[in-house]
């Protein structure tokens, strides 16, 4: 599954990559190099991060479904109680 980013997000990330290189690598890179690096990371790391996020979400959902018995329980005793 290819990860597609909105233009605004892509532009923000390119700026962030450029800033990272300038502050941490003492090297300036242009928009094209930052774009290519971002695309590499999305293709190489994106699927693993995405799959882990889906797995984490499934775990949380399974936990919540397991809590339904205690959270959504309604007593079946009739009005007069037994």
PDB file of N, CA and C in Angstrom:
ATOM      1  N   UNK A   1       0.842  -1.173   0.000  1.00  0.00           N
ATOM      2  CA  UNK A   1       0.000   0.000   0.000  1.00  0.00           C
ATOM      3  C   UNK A   1       0.889   1.239   0.000  1.00  0.00           C
ATOM      4  N   UNK A   2       0.781   2.029  -1.022  1.00  0.00           N
ATOM      5  CA  UNK A   2       1.577   3.253  -1.134  1.00  0.00           C
ATOM      6  C   UNK A   2       1.007   4.319  -0.203  1.00  0.00           C
ATOM      7  N   UNK A   3       1.887   5.021   0.472  1.00  0.00           N
ATOM      8  CA  UNK A   3       1.472   6.082   1.374  1.00  0.00           C
ATOM      9  C   UNK A   3       1.493   7.396   0.607  1.00  0.00           C
ATOM     10  N   UNK A   4       0.330   8.003   0.492  1.00  0.00           N
ATOM     11  CA  UNK A   4       0.193   9.274  -0.215  1.00  0.00           C
ATOM     12  C   UNK A   4      -0.025  10.377   0.810  1.00  0.00           C
ATOM     13  N   UNK A   5       0.766  11.420   0.730  1.00  0.00           N
ATOM     14  CA  UNK A   5       0.642  12.551   1.636  1.00  0.00           C
ATOM     15  C   UNK A   5       0.027  13.739   0.919  1.00  0.00           C
ATOM     16  N   UNK A   6      -0.735  14.521   1.667  1.00  0.00           N
ATOM     17  CA  UNK A   6      -1.278  15.753   1.106  1.00  0.00           C
ATOM     18  C   UNK A   6      -0.128  16.713   0.836  1.00  0.00           C
ATOM     19  N   UNK A   7      -0.324  17.601  -0.120  1.00  0.00           N
ATOM     20  CA  UNK A   7       0.712  18.556  -0.525  1.00  0.00           C
ATOM     21  C   UNK A   7       1.212  19.382   0.662  1.00  0.00           C
ATOM     22  N   UNK A   8       0.282  19.823   1.513  1.00  0.00           N
ATOM     23  CA  UNK A   8       0.671  20.640   2.671  1.00  0.00           C
ATOM     24  C   UNK A   8       1.563  19.848   3.621  1.00  0.00           C
ATOM     25  N   UNK A   9       1.237  18.586   3.835  1.00  0.00           N
ATOM     26  CA  UNK A   9       2.026  17.727   4.726  1.00  0.00           C
ATOM     27  C   UNK A   9       3.394  17.484   4.105  1.00  0.00           C
ATOM     28  N   UNK A  10       3.404  17.190   2.811  1.00  0.00           N
ATOM     29  CA  UNK A  10       4.651  16.948   2.099  1.00  0.00           C
ATOM     30  C   UNK A  10       5.566  18.174   2.186  1.00  0.00           C
ATOM     31  N   UNK A  11       5.024  19.351   1.965  1.00  0.00           N
ATOM     32  CA  UNK A  11       5.823  20.580   2.039  1.00  0.00           C
ATOM     33  C   UNK A  11       6.390  20.793   3.440  1.00  0.00           C
ATOM     34  N   UNK A  12       5.562  20.534   4.456  1.00  0.00           N
ATOM     35  CA  UNK A  12       6.019  20.697   5.838  1.00  0.00           C
ATOM     36  C   UNK A  12       7.143  19.721   6.163  1.00  0.00           C
ATOM     37  N   UNK A  13       7.011  18.476   5.701  1.00  0.00           N
ATOM     38  CA  UNK A  13       8.036  17.469   5.967  1.00  0.00           C
ATOM     39  C   UNK A  13       9.341  17.784   5.239  1.00  0.00           C
ATOM     40  N   UNK A  14       9.241  18.281   4.038  1.00  0.00           N
ATOM     41  CA  UNK A  14      10.440  18.679   3.291  1.00  0.00           C
ATOM     42  C   UNK A  14      11.168  19.777   4.053  1.00  0.00           C
ATOM     43  N   UNK A  15      10.426  20.752   4.558  1.00  0.00           N
ATOM     44  CA  UNK A  15      11.036  21.806   5.367  1.00  0.00           C
ATOM     45  C   UNK A  15      11.685  21.252   6.617  1.00  0.00           C
ATOM     46  N   UNK A  16      11.037  20.287   7.241  1.00  0.00           N
ATOM     47  CA  UNK A  16      11.569  19.668   8.451  1.00  0.00           C
ATOM     48  C   UNK A  16      12.861  18.900   8.162  1.00  0.00           C
ATOM     49  N   UNK A  17      12.888  18.178   7.061  1.00  0.00           N
ATOM     50  CA  UNK A  17      14.107  17.440   6.668  1.00  0.00           C
ATOM     51  C   UNK A  17      15.250  18.409   6.408  1.00  0.00           C
ATOM     52  N   UNK A  18      14.960  19.480   5.704  1.00  0.00           N
ATOM     53  CA  UNK A  18      15.999  20.482   5.416  1.00  0.00           C
ATOM     54  C   UNK A  18      16.535  21.089   6.710  1.00  0.00           C
ATOM     55  N   UNK A  19      15.640  21.401   7.634  1.00  0.00           N
ATOM     56  CA  UNK A  19      16.051  21.980   8.912  1.00  0.00           C
ATOM     57  C   UNK A  19      16.885  20.980   9.714  1.00  0.00           C
ATOM     58  N   UNK A  20      16.487  19.712   9.694  1.00  0.00           N
ATOM     59  CA  UNK A  20      17.245  18.680  10.403  1.00  0.00           C
ATOM     60  C   UNK A  20      18.681  18.609   9.878  1.00  0.00           C
ATOM     61  N   UNK A  21      18.817  18.575   8.578  1.00  0.00           N
ATOM     62  CA  UNK A  21      20.159  18.502   7.981  1.00  0.00           C
ATOM     63  C   UNK A  21      20.988  19.726   8.343  1.00  0.00           C
ATOM     64  N   UNK A  22      20.374  20.876   8.328  1.00  0.00           N
ATOM     65  CA  UNK A  22      21.104  22.102   8.630  1.00  0.00           C
ATOM     66  C   UNK A  22      21.553  22.125  10.090  1.00  0.00           C
ATOM     67  N   UNK A  23      20.684  21.715  11.008  1.00  0.00           N
ATOM     68  CA  UNK A  23      21.002  21.804  12.424  1.00  0.00           C
ATOM     69  C   UNK A  23      21.817  20.629  12.956  1.00  0.00           C
ATOM     70  N   UNK A  24      21.647  19.438  12.368  1.00  0.00           N
ATOM     71  CA  UNK A  24      22.293  18.251  12.912  1.00  0.00           C
ATOM     72  C   UNK A  24      23.429  17.701  12.067  1.00  0.00           C
ATOM     73  N   UNK A  25      23.442  18.030  10.807  1.00  0.00           N
ATOM     74  CA  UNK A  25      24.473  17.511   9.914  1.00  0.00           C
ATOM     75  C   UNK A  25      25.392  18.618   9.416  1.00  0.00           C
ATOM     76  N   UNK A  26      25.101  19.845   9.832  1.00  0.00           N
ATOM     77  CA  UNK A  26      25.867  21.006   9.361  1.00  0.00           C
ATOM     78  C   UNK A  26      25.969  21.011   7.839  1.00  0.00           C
ATOM     79  N   UNK A  27      24.855  20.664   7.198  1.00  0.00           N
ATOM     80  CA  UNK A  27      24.814  20.601   5.738  1.00  0.00           C
ATOM     81  C   UNK A  27      23.454  21.098   5.276  1.00  0.00           C
ATOM     82  N   UNK A  28      23.475  21.905   4.248  1.00  0.00           N
ATOM     83  CA  UNK A  28      22.211  22.362   3.688  1.00  0.00           C
ATOM     84  C   UNK A  28      21.869  21.499   2.480  1.00  0.00           C
ATOM     85  N   UNK A  29      20.601  21.112   2.410  1.00  0.00           N
ATOM     86  CA  UNK A  29      20.133  20.371   1.239  1.00  0.00           C
ATOM     87  C   UNK A  29      18.947  21.135   0.661  1.00  0.00           C
ATOM     88  N   UNK A  30      18.719  20.942  -0.608  1.00  0.00           N
ATOM     89  CA  UNK A  30      17.633  21.621  -1.286  1.00  0.00           C
ATOM     90  C   UNK A  30      16.339  20.833  -1.205  1.00  0.00           C
ATOM     91  N   UNK A  31      15.312  21.418  -1.770  1.00  0.00           N
ATOM     92  CA  UNK A  31      13.994  20.784  -1.765  1.00  0.00           C
ATOM     93  C   UNK A  31      14.002  19.437  -2.484  1.00  0.00           C
ATOM     94  N   UNK A  32      14.718  19.349  -3.601  1.00  0.00           N
ATOM     95  CA  UNK A  32      14.726  18.109  -4.370  1.00  0.00           C
ATOM     96  C   UNK A  32      15.343  16.972  -3.565  1.00  0.00           C
ATOM     97  N   UNK A  33      16.498  17.215  -2.948  1.00  0.00           N
ATOM     98  CA  UNK A  33      17.140  16.165  -2.142  1.00  0.00           C
ATOM     99  C   UNK A  33      16.261  15.781  -0.958  1.00  0.00           C
ATOM    100  N   UNK A  34      15.640  16.757  -0.320  1.00  0.00           N
ATOM    101  CA  UNK A  34      14.753  16.474   0.806  1.00  0.00           C
ATOM    102  C   UNK A  34      13.546  15.666   0.342  1.00  0.00           C
ATOM    103  N   UNK A  35      13.005  16.000  -0.818  1.00  0.00           N
ATOM    104  CA  UNK A  35      11.880  15.257  -1.385  1.00  0.00           C
ATOM    105  C   UNK A  35      12.272  13.811  -1.674  1.00  0.00           C
ATOM    106  N   UNK A  36      13.418  13.618  -2.293  1.00  0.00           N
ATOM    107  CA  UNK A  36      13.871  12.261  -2.607  1.00  0.00           C
ATOM    108  C   UNK A  36      14.114  11.451  -1.348  1.00  0.00           C
ATOM    109  N   UNK A  37      14.676  12.079  -0.320  1.00  0.00           N
ATOM    110  CA  UNK A  37      14.907  11.392   0.943  1.00  0.00           C
ATOM    111  C   UNK A  37      13.577  11.014   1.592  1.00  0.00           C
ATOM    112  N   UNK A  38      12.622  11.936   1.571  1.00  0.00           N
ATOM    113  CA  UNK A  38      11.309  11.654   2.130  1.00  0.00           C
ATOM    114  C   UNK A  38      10.631  10.502   1.386  1.00  0.00           C
ATOM    115  N   UNK A  39      10.701  10.512   0.073  1.00  0.00           N
ATOM    116  CA  UNK A  39      10.099   9.433  -0.713  1.00  0.00           C
ATOM    117  C   UNK A  39      10.756   8.093  -0.403  1.00  0.00           C
ATOM    118  N   UNK A  40      12.080   8.092  -0.218  1.00  0.00           N
ATOM    119  CA  UNK A  40      12.785   6.864   0.159  1.00  0.00           C
ATOM    120  C   UNK A  40      12.270   6.346   1.501  1.00  0.00           C
ATOM    121  N   UNK A  41      12.188   7.255   2.485  1.00  0.00           N
ATOM    122  CA  UNK A  41      11.719   6.840   3.803  1.00  0.00           C
ATOM    123  C   UNK A  41      10.289   6.318   3.747  1.00  0.00           C
ATOM    124  N   UNK A  42       9.438   6.976   2.984  1.00  0.00           N
ATOM    125  CA  UNK A  42       8.061   6.517   2.868  1.00  0.00           C
ATOM    126  C   UNK A  42       7.987   5.120   2.254  1.00  0.00           C
ATOM    127  N   UNK A  43       8.802   4.864   1.253  1.00  0.00           N
ATOM    128  CA  UNK A  43       8.788   3.550   0.600  1.00  0.00           C
ATOM    129  C   UNK A  43       9.455   2.483   1.454  1.00  0.00           C
ATOM    130  N   UNK A  44      10.549   2.849   2.116  1.00  0.00           N
ATOM    131  CA  UNK A  44      11.337   1.874   2.869  1.00  0.00           C
ATOM    132  C   UNK A  44      10.805   1.663   4.284  1.00  0.00           C
ATOM    133  N   UNK A  45      10.495   2.733   4.984  1.00  0.00           N
ATOM    134  CA  UNK A  45      10.075   2.642   6.380  1.00  0.00           C
ATOM    135  C   UNK A  45       8.563   2.708   6.553  1.00  0.00           C
ATOM    136  N   UNK A  46       7.896   3.377   5.627  1.00  0.00           N
ATOM    137  CA  UNK A  46       6.460   3.596   5.742  1.00  0.00           C
ATOM    138  C   UNK A  46       5.641   2.338   5.976  1.00  0.00           C
ATOM    139  N   UNK A  47       5.825   1.281   5.183  1.00  0.00           N
ATOM    140  CA  UNK A  47       5.013   0.079   5.389  1.00  0.00           C
ATOM    141  C   UNK A  47       5.200  -0.554   6.770  1.00  0.00           C
ATOM    142  N   UNK A  48       6.413  -0.570   7.288  1.00  0.00           N
ATOM    143  CA  UNK A  48       6.649  -1.150   8.608  1.00  0.00           C
ATOM    144  C   UNK A  48       5.966  -0.320   9.693  1.00  0.00           C
ATOM    145  N   UNK A  49       6.072   0.996   9.590  1.00  0.00           N
ATOM    146  CA  UNK A  49       5.440   1.884  10.564  1.00  0.00           C
ATOM    147  C   UNK A  49       3.919   1.760  10.459  1.00  0.00           C
ATOM    148  N   UNK A  50       3.402   1.726   9.255  1.00  0.00           N
ATOM    149  CA  UNK A  50       1.960   1.600   9.025  1.00  0.00           C
ATOM    150  C   UNK A  50       1.442   0.288   9.609  1.00  0.00           C
ATOM    151  N   UNK A  51       2.139  -0.816   9.310  1.00  0.00           N
ATOM    152  CA  UNK A  51       1.712  -2.123   9.816  1.00  0.00           C
ATOM    153  C   UNK A  51       1.737  -2.167  11.336  1.00  0.00           C
ATOM    154  N   UNK A  52       2.750  -1.554  11.950  1.00  0.00           N
ATOM    155  CA  UNK A  52       2.821  -1.522  13.409  1.00  0.00           C
ATOM    156  C   UNK A  52       1.674  -0.703  13.982  1.00  0.00           C
ATOM    157  N   UNK A  53       1.349   0.413  13.336  1.00  0.00           N
ATOM    158  CA  UNK A  53       0.233   1.246  13.798  1.00  0.00           C
ATOM    159  C   UNK A  53      -1.087   0.482  13.712  1.00  0.00           C
ATOM    160  N   UNK A  54      -1.294  -0.256  12.637  1.00  0.00           N
ATOM    161  CA  UNK A  54      -2.513  -1.052  12.489  1.00  0.00           C
ATOM    162  C   UNK A  54      -2.562  -2.133  13.567  1.00  0.00           C
ATOM    163  N   UNK A  55      -1.437  -2.782  13.809  1.00  0.00           N
ATOM    164  CA  UNK A  55      -1.368  -3.811  14.848  1.00  0.00           C
ATOM    165  C   UNK A  55      -1.670  -3.223  16.225  1.00  0.00           C
ATOM    166  N   UNK A  56      -1.106  -2.059  16.510  1.00  0.00           N
ATOM    167  CA  UNK A  56      -1.369  -1.398  17.792  1.00  0.00           C
ATOM    168  C   UNK A  56      -2.845  -1.047  17.919  1.00  0.00           C
ATOM    169  N   UNK A  57      -3.443  -0.540  16.843  1.00  0.00           N
ATOM    170  CA  UNK A  57      -4.861  -0.179  16.862  1.00  0.00           C
ATOM    171  C   UNK A  57      -5.726  -1.422  17.074  1.00  0.00           C
ATOM    172  N   UNK A  58      -5.366  -2.539  16.440  1.00  0.00           N
ATOM    173  CA  UNK A  58      -6.114  -3.777  16.627  1.00  0.00           C
ATOM    174  C   UNK A  58      -6.046  -4.230  18.083  1.00  0.00           C
ATOM    175  N   UNK A  59      -4.877  -4.088  18.701  1.00  0.00           N
ATOM    176  CA  UNK A  59      -4.725  -4.471  20.103  1.00  0.00           C
ATOM    177  C   UNK A  59      -5.594  -3.628  21.014  1.00  0.00           C
ATOM    178  N   UNK A  60      -5.618  -2.336  20.775  1.00  0.00           N
ATOM    179  CA  UNK A  60      -6.452  -1.436  21.582  1.00  0.00           C
ATOM    180  C   UNK A  60      -7.928  -1.769  21.384  1.00  0.00           C
ATOM    181  N   UNK A  61      -8.319  -2.002  20.141  1.00  0.00           N
ATOM    182  CA  UNK A  61      -9.723  -2.324  19.864  1.00  0.00           C
ATOM    183  C   UNK A  61     -10.114  -3.650  20.514  1.00  0.00           C
ATOM    184  N   UNK A  62      -9.246  -4.640  20.458  1.00  0.00           N
ATOM    185  CA  UNK A  62      -9.539  -5.941  21.080  1.00  0.00           C
ATOM    186  C   UNK A  62      -9.691  -5.775  22.590  1.00  0.00           C
ATOM    187  N   UNK A  63      -8.854  -4.945  23.179  1.00  0.00           N
ATOM    188  CA  UNK A  63      -8.940  -4.677  24.613  1.00  0.00           C
ATOM    189  C   UNK A  63     -10.272  -4.012  24.956  1.00  0.00           C
ATOM    190  N   UNK A  64     -10.673  -3.042  24.153  1.00  0.00           N
ATOM    191  CA  UNK A  64     -11.931  -2.337  24.390  1.00  0.00           C
ATOM    192  C   UNK A  64     -13.133  -3.267  24.212  1.00  0.00           C
ATOM    193  N   UNK A  65     -13.091  -4.132  23.212  1.00  0.00           N
ATOM    194  CA  UNK A  65     -14.186  -5.080  22.992  1.00  0.00           C
ATOM    195  C   UNK A  65     -14.269  -6.036  24.178  1.00  0.00           C
ATOM    196  N   UNK A  66     -13.120  -6.416  24.732  1.00  0.00           N
ATOM    197  CA  UNK A  66     -13.106  -7.287  25.901  1.00  0.00           C
ATOM    198  C   UNK A  66     -13.725  -6.636  27.121  1.00  0.00           C
ATOM    199  N   UNK A  67     -13.734  -5.320  27.178  1.00  0.00           N
ATOM    200  CA  UNK A  67     -14.305  -4.590  28.309  1.00  0.00           C
ATOM    201  C   UNK A  67     -15.816  -4.403  28.173  1.00  0.00           C
ATOM    202  N   UNK A  68     -16.386  -4.750  27.024  1.00  0.00           N
ATOM    203  CA  UNK A  68     -17.817  -4.522  26.807  1.00  0.00           C
ATOM    204  C   UNK A  68     -18.681  -5.231  27.847  1.00  0.00           C
ATOM    205  N   UNK A  69     -18.296  -6.433  28.245  1.00  0.00           N
ATOM    206  CA  UNK A  69     -19.095  -7.172  29.224  1.00  0.00           C
ATOM    207  C   UNK A  69     -19.291  -6.381  30.508  1.00  0.00           C
ATOM    208  N   UNK A  70     -18.244  -5.770  30.997  1.00  0.00           N
ATOM    209  CA  UNK A  70     -18.355  -5.050  32.267  1.00  0.00           C
ATOM    210  C   UNK A  70     -18.916  -3.639  32.092  1.00  0.00           C
ATOM    211  N   UNK A  71     -18.640  -3.009  30.970  1.00  0.00           N
ATOM    212  CA  UNK A  71     -19.080  -1.631  30.749  1.00  0.00           C
ATOM    213  C   UNK A  71     -20.532  -1.562  30.292  1.00  0.00           C
ATOM    214  N   UNK A  72     -20.945  -2.477  29.477  1.00  0.00           N
ATOM    215  CA  UNK A  72     -22.276  -2.408  28.870  1.00  0.00           C
ATOM    216  C   UNK A  72     -23.227  -3.479  29.400  1.00  0.00           C
ATOM    217  N   UNK A  73     -22.985  -3.963  30.606  1.00  0.00           N
ATOM    218  CA  UNK A  73     -23.840  -5.008  31.155  1.00  0.00           C
ATOM    219  C   UNK A  73     -25.113  -4.411  31.723  1.00  0.00           C
ATOM    220  N   UNK A  74     -26.234  -5.018  31.441  1.00  0.00           N
ATOM    221  CA  UNK A  74     -27.522  -4.606  32.010  1.00  0.00           C
ATOM    222  C   UNK A  74     -28.094  -5.803  32.782  1.00  0.00           C
ATOM    223  N   UNK A  75     -28.461  -5.547  34.003  1.00  0.00           N
ATOM    224  CA  UNK A  75     -29.026  -6.604  34.833  1.00  0.00           C
ATOM    225  C   UNK A  75     -30.317  -7.115  34.206  1.00  0.00           C
ATOM    226  N   UNK A  76     -30.507  -8.403  34.286  1.00  0.00           N
ATOM    227  CA  UNK A  76     -31.703  -9.016  33.713  1.00  0.00           C
ATOM    228  C   UNK A  76     -32.763  -9.306  34.767  1.00  0.00           C
ATOM    229  N   UNK A  77     -32.545  -8.848  35.985  1.00  0.00           N
ATOM    230  CA  UNK A  77     -33.543  -9.061  37.011  1.00  0.00           C
ATOM    231  C   UNK A  77     -34.781  -8.243  36.670  1.00  0.00           C
ATOM    232  N   UNK A  78     -35.911  -8.805  36.997  1.00  0.00           N
ATOM    233  CA  UNK A  78     -37.147  -8.065  36.690  1.00  0.00           C
ATOM    234  C   UNK A  78     -37.363  -6.949  37.700  1.00  0.00           C
ATOM    235  N   UNK A  79     -38.409  -6.213  37.536  1.00  0.00           N
ATOM    236  CA  UNK A  79     -38.702  -5.051  38.350  1.00  0.00           C
ATOM    237  C   UNK A  79     -38.741  -5.384  39.855  1.00  0.00           C
ATOM    238  N   UNK A  80     -39.319  -6.522  40.218  1.00  0.00           N
ATOM    239  CA  UNK A  80     -39.520  -6.873  41.627  1.00  0.00           C
ATOM    240  C   UNK A  80     -38.275  -7.501  42.237  1.00  0.00           C
ATOM    241  N   UNK A  81     -37.300  -7.822  41.416  1.00  0.00           N
ATOM    242  CA  UNK A  81     -36.105  -8.486  41.952  1.00  0.00           C
ATOM    243  C   UNK A  81     -36.454  -9.850  42.490  1.00  0.00           C
ATOM    244  N   UNK A  82     -35.515 -10.718  42.541  1.00  0.00           N
ATOM    245  CA  UNK A  82     -35.810 -12.069  43.004  1.00  0.00           C
ATOM    246  C   UNK A  82     -35.059 -12.395  44.238  1.00  0.00           C
TER     247      UNK A  82
END
